């Protein structure tokens, strides 16, 4: 009888054990990655190796959940490792951008100080597309025909226009933004993103 009760207890525990969603997994793994990278002296030269080691540390910590969403033996699967690296890298870029800024060179701090004194850039045009994936992005077409893509990384007063789906295709907008280089793990290089700071619907 005791064996039966023990078996039932173990079975119920495994059934009701909480599992992370894919989004929660990436969020937690990016925390591990940021903490790991912040302890290292990351440079352009050792960047790839350091980030790789930090991602491996995160994989070891959440091995079962990684296996659930990315399959077994992910370390030997280049395609899956690239996908996981991209997901974690993008999240880390938003959570600990200072780690990535440190990789840009010794003079990056001076450049950042100059940027703080400069007003946000602005473009006006019509909304063409909104995408809601791990991060929300949207595209605006200027009257000249030039397309601009923006990424929503932080909250601001009019962010609800995007998050609450108030804006519709062809709405006329003024978009204020700054440019930020984030590491794209899929491309293995830094990519410049336009980060939105305010939106005004005309």
N, C-alpha and C. Protein backbone atom coordinates (compact mmCIF):
# COMPACT_ATOMS: atom_id res chain seq x y z
N UNK A 1 0.83 -1.20 0.00
CA UNK A 1 0.00 0.00 0.00
C UNK A 1 0.87 1.26 0.00
N UNK A 2 1.96 1.22 0.84
CA UNK A 2 2.86 2.38 0.92
C UNK A 2 3.54 2.63 -0.42
N UNK A 3 3.91 1.51 -1.10
CA UNK A 3 4.55 1.64 -2.41
C UNK A 3 3.60 2.26 -3.42
N UNK A 4 2.32 1.87 -3.35
CA UNK A 4 1.31 2.40 -4.25
C UNK A 4 1.12 3.90 -4.02
N UNK A 5 1.05 4.31 -2.75
CA UNK A 5 0.89 5.73 -2.42
C UNK A 5 2.09 6.54 -2.89
N UNK A 6 3.29 5.96 -2.71
CA UNK A 6 4.50 6.64 -3.15
C UNK A 6 4.52 6.81 -4.66
N UNK A 7 4.09 5.76 -5.37
CA UNK A 7 4.04 5.81 -6.83
C UNK A 7 3.06 6.87 -7.30
N UNK A 8 1.88 6.92 -6.66
CA UNK A 8 0.87 7.93 -7.01
C UNK A 8 1.38 9.33 -6.74
N UNK A 9 2.10 9.50 -5.62
CA UNK A 9 2.63 10.82 -5.27
C UNK A 9 3.67 11.29 -6.29
N UNK A 10 4.56 10.38 -6.68
CA UNK A 10 5.59 10.72 -7.67
C UNK A 10 4.98 11.03 -9.02
N UNK A 11 3.97 10.26 -9.40
CA UNK A 11 3.28 10.46 -10.69
C UNK A 11 2.58 11.81 -10.72
N UNK A 12 1.84 12.11 -9.63
CA UNK A 12 1.11 13.38 -9.59
C UNK A 12 2.07 14.56 -9.57
N UNK A 13 3.22 14.38 -8.91
CA UNK A 13 4.20 15.46 -8.87
C UNK A 13 4.73 15.77 -10.24
N UNK A 14 4.98 14.70 -11.03
CA UNK A 14 5.52 14.91 -12.37
C UNK A 14 4.48 15.50 -13.30
N UNK A 15 3.21 15.15 -13.07
CA UNK A 15 2.14 15.65 -13.92
C UNK A 15 1.92 17.14 -13.68
N UNK A 16 1.96 17.53 -12.39
CA UNK A 16 1.65 18.92 -12.04
C UNK A 16 2.88 19.80 -11.91
N UNK A 17 4.07 19.22 -12.22
CA UNK A 17 5.29 20.04 -12.17
C UNK A 17 5.18 21.18 -13.17
N UNK A 18 5.54 22.35 -12.74
CA UNK A 18 5.42 23.53 -13.61
C UNK A 18 6.50 23.51 -14.67
N UNK A 19 6.11 23.74 -15.88
CA UNK A 19 7.03 23.83 -17.00
C UNK A 19 7.04 25.25 -17.52
N UNK A 20 8.19 25.68 -17.94
CA UNK A 20 8.30 27.04 -18.48
C UNK A 20 7.74 27.08 -19.89
N UNK A 21 7.08 28.19 -20.23
CA UNK A 21 6.72 28.42 -21.62
C UNK A 21 8.00 28.78 -22.36
N UNK A 22 7.95 28.79 -23.67
CA UNK A 22 9.15 29.10 -24.45
C UNK A 22 9.61 30.53 -24.15
N UNK A 23 8.65 31.45 -24.03
CA UNK A 23 8.97 32.85 -23.75
C UNK A 23 9.62 32.99 -22.37
N UNK A 24 9.08 32.26 -21.37
CA UNK A 24 9.64 32.29 -20.02
C UNK A 24 11.05 31.71 -20.01
N UNK A 25 11.24 30.65 -20.79
CA UNK A 25 12.55 30.00 -20.87
C UNK A 25 13.60 30.97 -21.42
N UNK A 26 13.27 31.63 -22.53
CA UNK A 26 14.21 32.58 -23.13
C UNK A 26 14.49 33.73 -22.18
N UNK A 27 13.46 34.16 -21.46
CA UNK A 27 13.61 35.26 -20.50
C UNK A 27 14.60 34.88 -19.40
N UNK A 28 14.44 33.67 -18.85
CA UNK A 28 15.31 33.21 -17.77
C UNK A 28 16.72 32.93 -18.27
N UNK A 29 16.83 32.36 -19.48
CA UNK A 29 18.14 32.07 -20.04
C UNK A 29 18.90 33.36 -20.36
N UNK A 30 18.17 34.38 -20.78
CA UNK A 30 18.82 35.66 -21.07
C UNK A 30 19.32 36.31 -19.78
N UNK A 31 18.61 36.07 -18.66
CA UNK A 31 19.08 36.57 -17.36
C UNK A 31 20.42 35.92 -17.00
N UNK A 32 20.48 34.60 -17.23
CA UNK A 32 21.73 33.87 -16.96
C UNK A 32 22.84 34.39 -17.87
N UNK A 33 22.50 34.61 -19.15
CA UNK A 33 23.48 35.10 -20.11
C UNK A 33 24.01 36.47 -19.74
N UNK A 34 23.11 37.38 -19.32
CA UNK A 34 23.51 38.73 -18.93
C UNK A 34 24.40 38.70 -17.69
N UNK A 35 24.01 37.88 -16.71
CA UNK A 35 24.79 37.78 -15.47
C UNK A 35 26.18 37.22 -15.77
N UNK A 36 26.21 36.20 -16.62
CA UNK A 36 27.47 35.57 -16.99
C UNK A 36 28.37 36.55 -17.74
N UNK A 37 27.82 37.23 -18.74
CA UNK A 37 28.61 38.16 -19.57
C UNK A 37 29.10 39.35 -18.76
N UNK A 38 28.29 39.78 -17.77
CA UNK A 38 28.67 40.95 -16.97
C UNK A 38 29.89 40.67 -16.10
N UNK A 39 30.16 39.39 -15.85
CA UNK A 39 31.30 39.00 -15.03
C UNK A 39 32.58 38.86 -15.85
N UNK A 40 32.43 38.92 -17.18
CA UNK A 40 33.58 38.74 -18.07
C UNK A 40 34.04 40.09 -18.62
N UNK A 41 35.27 40.13 -19.07
CA UNK A 41 35.77 41.30 -19.78
C UNK A 41 35.53 41.05 -21.27
N UNK A 42 34.35 41.44 -21.72
CA UNK A 42 33.94 41.13 -23.09
C UNK A 42 34.50 42.16 -24.07
N UNK A 43 35.14 41.69 -25.12
CA UNK A 43 35.68 42.56 -26.16
C UNK A 43 35.24 42.04 -27.52
N UNK A 44 35.55 42.81 -28.56
CA UNK A 44 35.22 42.36 -29.91
C UNK A 44 35.90 41.04 -30.23
N UNK A 45 37.12 40.88 -29.71
CA UNK A 45 37.91 39.69 -30.04
C UNK A 45 37.38 38.42 -29.37
N UNK A 46 36.93 38.55 -28.11
CA UNK A 46 36.48 37.34 -27.41
C UNK A 46 34.97 37.24 -27.30
N UNK A 47 34.27 38.17 -27.97
CA UNK A 47 32.82 38.26 -27.87
C UNK A 47 32.13 36.93 -28.18
N UNK A 48 32.45 36.35 -29.33
CA UNK A 48 31.75 35.14 -29.77
C UNK A 48 31.96 33.99 -28.79
N UNK A 49 33.20 33.83 -28.34
CA UNK A 49 33.50 32.74 -27.40
C UNK A 49 32.82 32.97 -26.06
N UNK A 50 32.86 34.21 -25.57
CA UNK A 50 32.26 34.52 -24.27
C UNK A 50 30.75 34.31 -24.29
N UNK A 51 30.09 34.83 -25.34
CA UNK A 51 28.64 34.64 -25.44
C UNK A 51 28.29 33.17 -25.59
N UNK A 52 29.11 32.44 -26.33
CA UNK A 52 28.88 31.00 -26.50
C UNK A 52 28.94 30.26 -25.18
N UNK A 53 29.94 30.60 -24.36
CA UNK A 53 30.08 29.96 -23.05
C UNK A 53 28.92 30.33 -22.12
N UNK A 54 28.48 31.58 -22.21
CA UNK A 54 27.36 32.03 -21.36
C UNK A 54 26.06 31.33 -21.77
N UNK A 55 25.88 31.14 -23.08
CA UNK A 55 24.68 30.44 -23.55
C UNK A 55 24.72 28.98 -23.13
N UNK A 56 25.92 28.37 -23.16
CA UNK A 56 26.06 26.98 -22.71
C UNK A 56 25.73 26.86 -21.22
N UNK A 57 26.11 27.86 -20.45
CA UNK A 57 25.78 27.87 -19.02
C UNK A 57 24.27 27.90 -18.83
N UNK A 58 23.59 28.71 -19.65
CA UNK A 58 22.13 28.80 -19.56
C UNK A 58 21.47 27.50 -20.00
N UNK A 59 22.03 26.86 -21.03
CA UNK A 59 21.49 25.58 -21.51
C UNK A 59 21.60 24.52 -20.41
N UNK A 60 22.74 24.47 -19.74
CA UNK A 60 22.93 23.49 -18.67
C UNK A 60 21.95 23.70 -17.53
N UNK A 61 21.65 24.95 -17.24
CA UNK A 61 20.74 25.26 -16.13
C UNK A 61 19.30 24.89 -16.45
N UNK A 62 18.91 25.03 -17.72
CA UNK A 62 17.51 24.76 -18.11
C UNK A 62 17.46 23.65 -19.17
N UNK A 63 18.25 22.62 -18.94
CA UNK A 63 18.43 21.55 -19.94
C UNK A 63 17.12 20.92 -20.40
N UNK A 64 16.25 20.56 -19.46
CA UNK A 64 15.00 19.87 -19.81
C UNK A 64 14.06 20.76 -20.62
N UNK A 65 13.96 22.02 -20.24
CA UNK A 65 13.08 22.93 -20.97
C UNK A 65 13.64 23.24 -22.36
N UNK A 66 14.97 23.36 -22.45
CA UNK A 66 15.60 23.58 -23.75
C UNK A 66 15.32 22.39 -24.66
N UNK A 67 15.43 21.20 -24.11
CA UNK A 67 15.17 19.97 -24.87
C UNK A 67 13.74 19.94 -25.38
N UNK A 68 12.81 20.44 -24.55
CA UNK A 68 11.38 20.44 -24.93
C UNK A 68 11.12 21.31 -26.15
N UNK A 69 11.75 22.51 -26.21
CA UNK A 69 11.45 23.47 -27.28
C UNK A 69 12.44 23.43 -28.45
N UNK A 70 13.65 22.92 -28.18
CA UNK A 70 14.66 22.95 -29.24
C UNK A 70 15.21 21.58 -29.60
N UNK A 71 14.73 20.54 -28.90
CA UNK A 71 15.15 19.18 -29.22
C UNK A 71 16.38 18.74 -28.44
N UNK A 72 16.67 17.44 -28.54
CA UNK A 72 17.81 16.86 -27.83
C UNK A 72 19.11 17.18 -28.56
N UNK A 73 20.21 17.05 -27.81
CA UNK A 73 21.56 17.24 -28.38
C UNK A 73 21.67 18.54 -29.17
N UNK A 74 21.13 19.61 -28.60
CA UNK A 74 21.11 20.90 -29.32
C UNK A 74 22.52 21.42 -29.61
N UNK A 75 23.48 21.08 -28.75
CA UNK A 75 24.84 21.59 -28.91
C UNK A 75 25.48 21.11 -30.22
N UNK A 76 25.06 19.93 -30.67
CA UNK A 76 25.62 19.39 -31.92
C UNK A 76 24.75 19.72 -33.13
N UNK A 77 23.64 20.43 -32.89
CA UNK A 77 22.72 20.79 -33.97
C UNK A 77 22.91 22.28 -34.29
N UNK A 78 23.68 22.57 -35.34
CA UNK A 78 24.02 23.96 -35.67
C UNK A 78 22.78 24.82 -35.90
N UNK A 79 21.79 24.27 -36.59
CA UNK A 79 20.59 25.04 -36.92
C UNK A 79 19.83 25.43 -35.65
N UNK A 80 19.67 24.47 -34.74
CA UNK A 80 18.94 24.73 -33.50
C UNK A 80 19.73 25.66 -32.57
N UNK A 81 21.05 25.48 -32.55
CA UNK A 81 21.87 26.36 -31.73
C UNK A 81 21.81 27.79 -32.24
N UNK A 82 21.76 27.93 -33.57
CA UNK A 82 21.65 29.26 -34.17
C UNK A 82 20.32 29.91 -33.79
N UNK A 83 19.25 29.11 -33.81
CA UNK A 83 17.91 29.61 -33.45
C UNK A 83 17.87 30.03 -31.98
N UNK A 84 18.42 29.19 -31.11
CA UNK A 84 18.42 29.50 -29.69
C UNK A 84 19.31 30.71 -29.41
N UNK A 85 20.47 30.76 -30.05
CA UNK A 85 21.39 31.88 -29.87
C UNK A 85 20.75 33.19 -30.30
N UNK A 86 19.99 33.15 -31.39
CA UNK A 86 19.30 34.35 -31.88
C UNK A 86 18.26 34.81 -30.87
N UNK A 87 17.46 33.86 -30.35
CA UNK A 87 16.41 34.20 -29.39
C UNK A 87 17.00 34.81 -28.11
N UNK A 88 18.05 34.17 -27.59
CA UNK A 88 18.67 34.66 -26.36
C UNK A 88 19.40 35.98 -26.60
N UNK A 89 20.13 36.06 -27.72
CA UNK A 89 20.90 37.27 -28.03
C UNK A 89 20.02 38.50 -28.15
N UNK A 90 18.86 38.34 -28.79
CA UNK A 90 17.94 39.47 -28.96
C UNK A 90 17.42 39.93 -27.60
N UNK A 91 17.10 38.97 -26.75
CA UNK A 91 16.58 39.30 -25.42
C UNK A 91 17.66 39.94 -24.57
N UNK A 92 18.89 39.41 -24.67
CA UNK A 92 20.00 39.98 -23.91
C UNK A 92 20.29 41.41 -24.37
N UNK A 93 20.15 41.65 -25.67
CA UNK A 93 20.39 42.99 -26.20
C UNK A 93 19.48 44.02 -25.56
N UNK A 94 18.25 43.60 -25.23
CA UNK A 94 17.29 44.50 -24.59
C UNK A 94 17.52 44.60 -23.09
N UNK A 95 17.95 43.48 -22.46
CA UNK A 95 18.09 43.44 -21.01
C UNK A 95 19.41 44.03 -20.52
N UNK A 96 20.48 43.76 -21.23
CA UNK A 96 21.79 44.23 -20.77
C UNK A 96 22.56 44.84 -21.94
N UNK A 97 22.05 45.92 -22.52
CA UNK A 97 22.73 46.54 -23.67
C UNK A 97 24.12 47.04 -23.35
N UNK A 98 24.38 47.31 -22.05
CA UNK A 98 25.71 47.79 -21.66
C UNK A 98 26.78 46.76 -21.94
N UNK A 99 26.40 45.47 -21.85
CA UNK A 99 27.35 44.39 -22.14
C UNK A 99 27.76 44.45 -23.60
N UNK A 100 26.79 44.68 -24.47
CA UNK A 100 27.07 44.74 -25.90
C UNK A 100 27.78 46.04 -26.28
N UNK A 101 27.44 47.13 -25.59
CA UNK A 101 28.09 48.40 -25.88
C UNK A 101 29.58 48.31 -25.55
N UNK A 102 29.91 47.52 -24.54
CA UNK A 102 31.31 47.36 -24.14
C UNK A 102 32.13 46.70 -25.24
N UNK A 103 31.47 45.95 -26.10
CA UNK A 103 32.16 45.26 -27.19
C UNK A 103 32.48 46.18 -28.36
N UNK A 104 31.88 47.37 -28.36
CA UNK A 104 32.04 48.25 -29.51
C UNK A 104 33.38 48.99 -29.50
N UNK A 105 34.07 48.96 -28.36
CA UNK A 105 35.36 49.62 -28.30
C UNK A 105 35.48 50.51 -27.09
N UNK A 106 36.71 50.96 -26.82
CA UNK A 106 36.97 51.76 -25.63
C UNK A 106 36.30 53.11 -25.66
N UNK A 107 36.00 53.63 -26.88
CA UNK A 107 35.44 54.96 -26.99
C UNK A 107 33.93 54.97 -27.01
N UNK A 108 33.30 53.81 -26.79
CA UNK A 108 31.84 53.72 -26.87
C UNK A 108 31.17 54.57 -25.80
N UNK A 109 31.84 54.69 -24.60
CA UNK A 109 31.26 55.49 -23.53
C UNK A 109 31.15 56.94 -23.93
N UNK A 110 32.16 57.47 -24.64
CA UNK A 110 32.12 58.85 -25.10
C UNK A 110 31.01 59.05 -26.11
N UNK A 111 30.85 58.06 -27.00
CA UNK A 111 29.80 58.15 -28.01
C UNK A 111 28.43 58.15 -27.37
N UNK A 112 28.28 57.32 -26.31
CA UNK A 112 27.00 57.24 -25.63
C UNK A 112 26.69 58.56 -24.94
N UNK A 113 27.72 59.19 -24.36
CA UNK A 113 27.51 60.47 -23.67
C UNK A 113 27.06 61.54 -24.64
N UNK A 114 27.62 61.53 -25.86
CA UNK A 114 27.22 62.49 -26.88
C UNK A 114 25.78 62.25 -27.29
N UNK A 115 25.43 60.95 -27.43
CA UNK A 115 24.07 60.60 -27.86
C UNK A 115 23.03 61.11 -26.87
N UNK A 116 23.40 61.09 -25.55
CA UNK A 116 22.44 61.51 -24.53
C UNK A 116 22.07 62.98 -24.67
N UNK A 117 22.99 63.77 -25.21
CA UNK A 117 22.74 65.20 -25.35
C UNK A 117 21.96 65.52 -26.63
N UNK A 118 21.89 64.56 -27.53
CA UNK A 118 21.23 64.80 -28.79
C UNK A 118 19.74 64.48 -28.69
N UNK A 119 18.87 65.28 -29.32
CA UNK A 119 17.44 64.97 -29.30
C UNK A 119 17.15 63.74 -30.15
N UNK A 120 16.03 63.10 -29.86
CA UNK A 120 15.63 61.93 -30.65
C UNK A 120 15.36 62.35 -32.09
N UNK A 121 15.68 61.47 -33.01
CA UNK A 121 15.38 61.73 -34.42
C UNK A 121 13.87 61.54 -34.64
N UNK A 122 13.36 62.08 -35.74
CA UNK A 122 11.93 61.97 -36.03
C UNK A 122 11.71 61.76 -37.52
N UNK A 123 10.78 60.90 -37.85
CA UNK A 123 10.33 60.77 -39.24
C UNK A 123 8.80 60.75 -39.22
N UNK A 124 8.22 61.14 -40.33
CA UNK A 124 6.76 61.07 -40.45
C UNK A 124 6.41 60.26 -41.70
N UNK A 125 5.28 59.61 -41.64
CA UNK A 125 4.84 58.80 -42.77
C UNK A 125 3.62 57.98 -42.42
N UNK A 126 3.38 56.95 -43.20
CA UNK A 126 2.19 56.11 -42.98
C UNK A 126 2.60 54.73 -42.47
N UNK A 127 1.84 54.24 -41.52
CA UNK A 127 2.07 52.91 -40.96
C UNK A 127 1.75 51.86 -42.02
N UNK A 128 2.67 50.94 -42.24
CA UNK A 128 2.45 49.90 -43.25
C UNK A 128 2.28 48.51 -42.65
N UNK A 129 2.88 48.30 -41.46
CA UNK A 129 2.84 46.95 -40.89
C UNK A 129 3.23 46.97 -39.43
N UNK A 130 2.59 46.10 -38.64
CA UNK A 130 2.96 45.87 -37.24
C UNK A 130 3.15 44.37 -37.06
N UNK A 131 4.27 43.98 -36.45
CA UNK A 131 4.54 42.57 -36.18
C UNK A 131 4.71 42.37 -34.68
N UNK A 132 4.01 41.37 -34.14
CA UNK A 132 4.13 41.05 -32.73
C UNK A 132 4.73 39.66 -32.59
N UNK A 133 6.03 39.63 -32.33
CA UNK A 133 6.71 38.36 -32.11
C UNK A 133 7.33 38.42 -30.71
N UNK A 134 8.61 38.06 -30.58
CA UNK A 134 9.23 38.21 -29.26
C UNK A 134 9.28 39.68 -28.88
N UNK A 135 9.53 40.54 -29.88
CA UNK A 135 9.46 41.98 -29.70
C UNK A 135 8.50 42.53 -30.73
N UNK A 136 7.87 43.67 -30.41
CA UNK A 136 6.97 44.29 -31.37
C UNK A 136 7.76 45.21 -32.28
N UNK A 137 7.56 45.05 -33.58
CA UNK A 137 8.19 45.93 -34.57
C UNK A 137 7.12 46.49 -35.48
N UNK A 138 7.40 47.65 -36.09
CA UNK A 138 6.45 48.20 -37.04
C UNK A 138 7.20 48.99 -38.10
N UNK A 139 6.56 49.14 -39.26
CA UNK A 139 7.19 49.81 -40.40
C UNK A 139 6.41 51.06 -40.78
N UNK A 140 7.14 52.10 -41.15
CA UNK A 140 6.53 53.37 -41.57
C UNK A 140 7.14 53.78 -42.90
N UNK A 141 6.28 54.17 -43.84
CA UNK A 141 6.72 54.59 -45.17
C UNK A 141 6.64 56.11 -45.28
N UNK A 142 7.78 56.73 -45.54
CA UNK A 142 7.81 58.18 -45.71
C UNK A 142 7.21 58.57 -47.06
N UNK A 143 6.90 59.86 -47.23
CA UNK A 143 6.33 60.34 -48.50
C UNK A 143 7.30 60.13 -49.66
N UNK A 144 8.59 60.06 -49.35
CA UNK A 144 9.59 59.83 -50.39
C UNK A 144 9.61 58.37 -50.85
N UNK A 145 8.92 57.52 -50.10
CA UNK A 145 8.89 56.10 -50.43
C UNK A 145 9.84 55.27 -49.59
N UNK A 146 10.68 55.93 -48.79
CA UNK A 146 11.63 55.23 -47.95
C UNK A 146 10.92 54.49 -46.82
N UNK A 147 11.31 53.22 -46.61
CA UNK A 147 10.73 52.42 -45.55
C UNK A 147 11.62 52.45 -44.31
N UNK A 148 11.01 52.54 -43.15
CA UNK A 148 11.73 52.54 -41.88
C UNK A 148 11.10 51.50 -40.96
N UNK A 149 11.96 50.70 -40.32
CA UNK A 149 11.45 49.72 -39.36
C UNK A 149 11.88 50.11 -37.96
N UNK A 150 10.95 50.02 -37.02
CA UNK A 150 11.20 50.40 -35.64
C UNK A 150 10.94 49.22 -34.71
N UNK A 151 11.58 49.27 -33.53
CA UNK A 151 11.38 48.22 -32.54
C UNK A 151 10.95 48.86 -31.22
N UNK A 152 10.00 48.23 -30.54
CA UNK A 152 9.51 48.72 -29.25
C UNK A 152 10.24 47.96 -28.15
N UNK A 153 11.10 48.66 -27.40
CA UNK A 153 11.87 48.02 -26.34
C UNK A 153 11.48 48.47 -24.94
N UNK A 154 10.94 49.68 -24.82
CA UNK A 154 10.60 50.19 -23.49
C UNK A 154 9.30 50.99 -23.54
N UNK A 155 8.75 51.22 -22.36
CA UNK A 155 7.46 51.90 -22.26
C UNK A 155 7.61 53.41 -22.42
N UNK A 156 6.58 54.04 -22.99
CA UNK A 156 6.49 55.50 -23.04
C UNK A 156 5.00 55.86 -23.08
N UNK A 157 4.68 57.13 -22.95
CA UNK A 157 3.29 57.56 -22.75
C UNK A 157 2.33 57.05 -23.81
N UNK A 158 2.73 57.12 -25.08
CA UNK A 158 1.82 56.72 -26.16
C UNK A 158 2.04 55.29 -26.66
N UNK A 159 2.77 54.48 -25.88
CA UNK A 159 3.05 53.10 -26.30
C UNK A 159 1.76 52.30 -26.48
N UNK A 160 0.70 52.71 -25.78
CA UNK A 160 -0.58 51.99 -25.87
C UNK A 160 -1.13 51.99 -27.30
N UNK A 161 -0.73 52.99 -28.10
CA UNK A 161 -1.19 53.02 -29.49
C UNK A 161 -0.76 51.77 -30.23
N UNK A 162 0.39 51.22 -29.83
CA UNK A 162 0.89 49.97 -30.42
C UNK A 162 0.38 48.76 -29.64
N UNK A 163 0.59 48.77 -28.32
CA UNK A 163 0.28 47.59 -27.52
C UNK A 163 -1.22 47.28 -27.48
N UNK A 164 -2.06 48.31 -27.54
CA UNK A 164 -3.51 48.10 -27.52
C UNK A 164 -4.12 48.06 -28.92
N UNK A 165 -3.25 48.02 -29.93
CA UNK A 165 -3.66 47.90 -31.33
C UNK A 165 -4.61 49.03 -31.77
N UNK A 166 -4.33 50.23 -31.29
CA UNK A 166 -5.13 51.40 -31.67
C UNK A 166 -4.78 51.81 -33.10
N UNK A 167 -3.50 51.74 -33.44
CA UNK A 167 -3.04 52.15 -34.77
C UNK A 167 -3.45 51.14 -35.84
N UNK A 168 -3.79 51.65 -37.01
CA UNK A 168 -4.18 50.81 -38.13
C UNK A 168 -3.30 51.12 -39.34
N UNK A 169 -3.24 50.18 -40.26
CA UNK A 169 -2.48 50.39 -41.49
C UNK A 169 -2.95 51.65 -42.21
N UNK A 170 -2.00 52.42 -42.72
CA UNK A 170 -2.22 53.69 -43.43
C UNK A 170 -2.46 54.88 -42.52
N UNK A 171 -2.42 54.68 -41.20
CA UNK A 171 -2.50 55.83 -40.29
C UNK A 171 -1.25 56.69 -40.47
N UNK A 172 -1.42 58.01 -40.42
CA UNK A 172 -0.30 58.94 -40.53
C UNK A 172 0.32 59.15 -39.15
N UNK A 173 1.65 59.07 -39.08
CA UNK A 173 2.33 59.13 -37.79
C UNK A 173 3.55 60.03 -37.83
N UNK A 174 3.92 60.49 -36.65
CA UNK A 174 5.24 61.04 -36.41
C UNK A 174 5.89 60.09 -35.41
N UNK A 175 7.07 59.58 -35.76
CA UNK A 175 7.76 58.61 -34.90
C UNK A 175 9.09 59.19 -34.43
N UNK A 176 9.28 59.22 -33.12
CA UNK A 176 10.53 59.68 -32.54
C UNK A 176 11.33 58.45 -32.10
N UNK A 177 12.63 58.50 -32.32
CA UNK A 177 13.42 57.29 -32.08
C UNK A 177 14.90 57.63 -31.89
N UNK A 178 15.63 56.64 -31.40
CA UNK A 178 17.10 56.72 -31.39
C UNK A 178 17.62 55.40 -31.96
N UNK A 179 18.85 55.40 -32.39
CA UNK A 179 19.43 54.19 -32.97
C UNK A 179 20.30 53.47 -31.95
N UNK A 180 20.18 52.14 -31.92
CA UNK A 180 20.92 51.33 -30.96
C UNK A 180 21.44 50.09 -31.67
N UNK A 181 22.72 49.79 -31.46
CA UNK A 181 23.30 48.59 -32.03
C UNK A 181 23.08 47.41 -31.08
N UNK A 182 22.41 46.37 -31.59
CA UNK A 182 22.20 45.15 -30.81
C UNK A 182 22.86 43.99 -31.53
N UNK A 183 23.33 43.02 -30.76
CA UNK A 183 23.99 41.87 -31.38
C UNK A 183 22.96 40.89 -31.91
N UNK A 184 23.01 40.60 -33.19
CA UNK A 184 22.13 39.63 -33.83
C UNK A 184 22.87 38.30 -33.88
N UNK A 185 22.49 37.37 -32.97
CA UNK A 185 23.19 36.10 -32.88
C UNK A 185 23.03 35.27 -34.15
N UNK A 186 21.91 35.46 -34.83
CA UNK A 186 21.67 34.69 -36.06
C UNK A 186 22.63 35.12 -37.17
N UNK A 187 22.93 36.42 -37.22
CA UNK A 187 23.84 36.94 -38.24
C UNK A 187 25.28 37.03 -37.72
N UNK A 188 25.44 36.82 -36.40
CA UNK A 188 26.76 36.92 -35.75
C UNK A 188 27.40 38.29 -35.98
N UNK A 189 26.61 39.33 -35.88
CA UNK A 189 27.14 40.68 -36.01
C UNK A 189 26.18 41.67 -35.36
N UNK A 190 26.66 42.89 -35.15
CA UNK A 190 25.81 43.93 -34.60
C UNK A 190 24.93 44.53 -35.69
N UNK A 191 23.68 44.79 -35.33
CA UNK A 191 22.73 45.37 -36.27
C UNK A 191 22.15 46.63 -35.63
N UNK A 192 22.02 47.70 -36.42
CA UNK A 192 21.47 48.95 -35.89
C UNK A 192 19.95 48.93 -35.97
N UNK A 193 19.31 49.13 -34.83
CA UNK A 193 17.85 49.16 -34.75
C UNK A 193 17.39 50.57 -34.42
N UNK A 194 16.25 50.96 -34.95
CA UNK A 194 15.61 52.22 -34.60
C UNK A 194 14.65 51.92 -33.44
N UNK A 195 14.96 52.44 -32.26
CA UNK A 195 14.16 52.17 -31.07
C UNK A 195 13.19 53.32 -30.85
N UNK A 196 11.90 53.04 -30.88
CA UNK A 196 10.89 54.09 -30.78
C UNK A 196 10.82 54.64 -29.36
N UNK A 197 10.72 55.97 -29.23
CA UNK A 197 10.58 56.63 -27.93
C UNK A 197 9.26 57.38 -27.79
N UNK A 198 8.61 57.65 -28.92
CA UNK A 198 7.31 58.31 -28.87
C UNK A 198 6.64 58.20 -30.23
N UNK A 199 5.33 58.22 -30.23
CA UNK A 199 4.53 58.17 -31.45
C UNK A 199 3.42 59.21 -31.34
N UNK A 200 3.22 59.96 -32.39
CA UNK A 200 2.11 60.91 -32.43
C UNK A 200 1.27 60.58 -33.67
N UNK A 201 0.01 60.29 -33.43
CA UNK A 201 -0.91 59.98 -34.53
C UNK A 201 -1.48 61.29 -35.06
N UNK A 202 -1.37 61.50 -36.36
CA UNK A 202 -1.86 62.74 -36.96
C UNK A 202 -3.35 62.69 -37.26
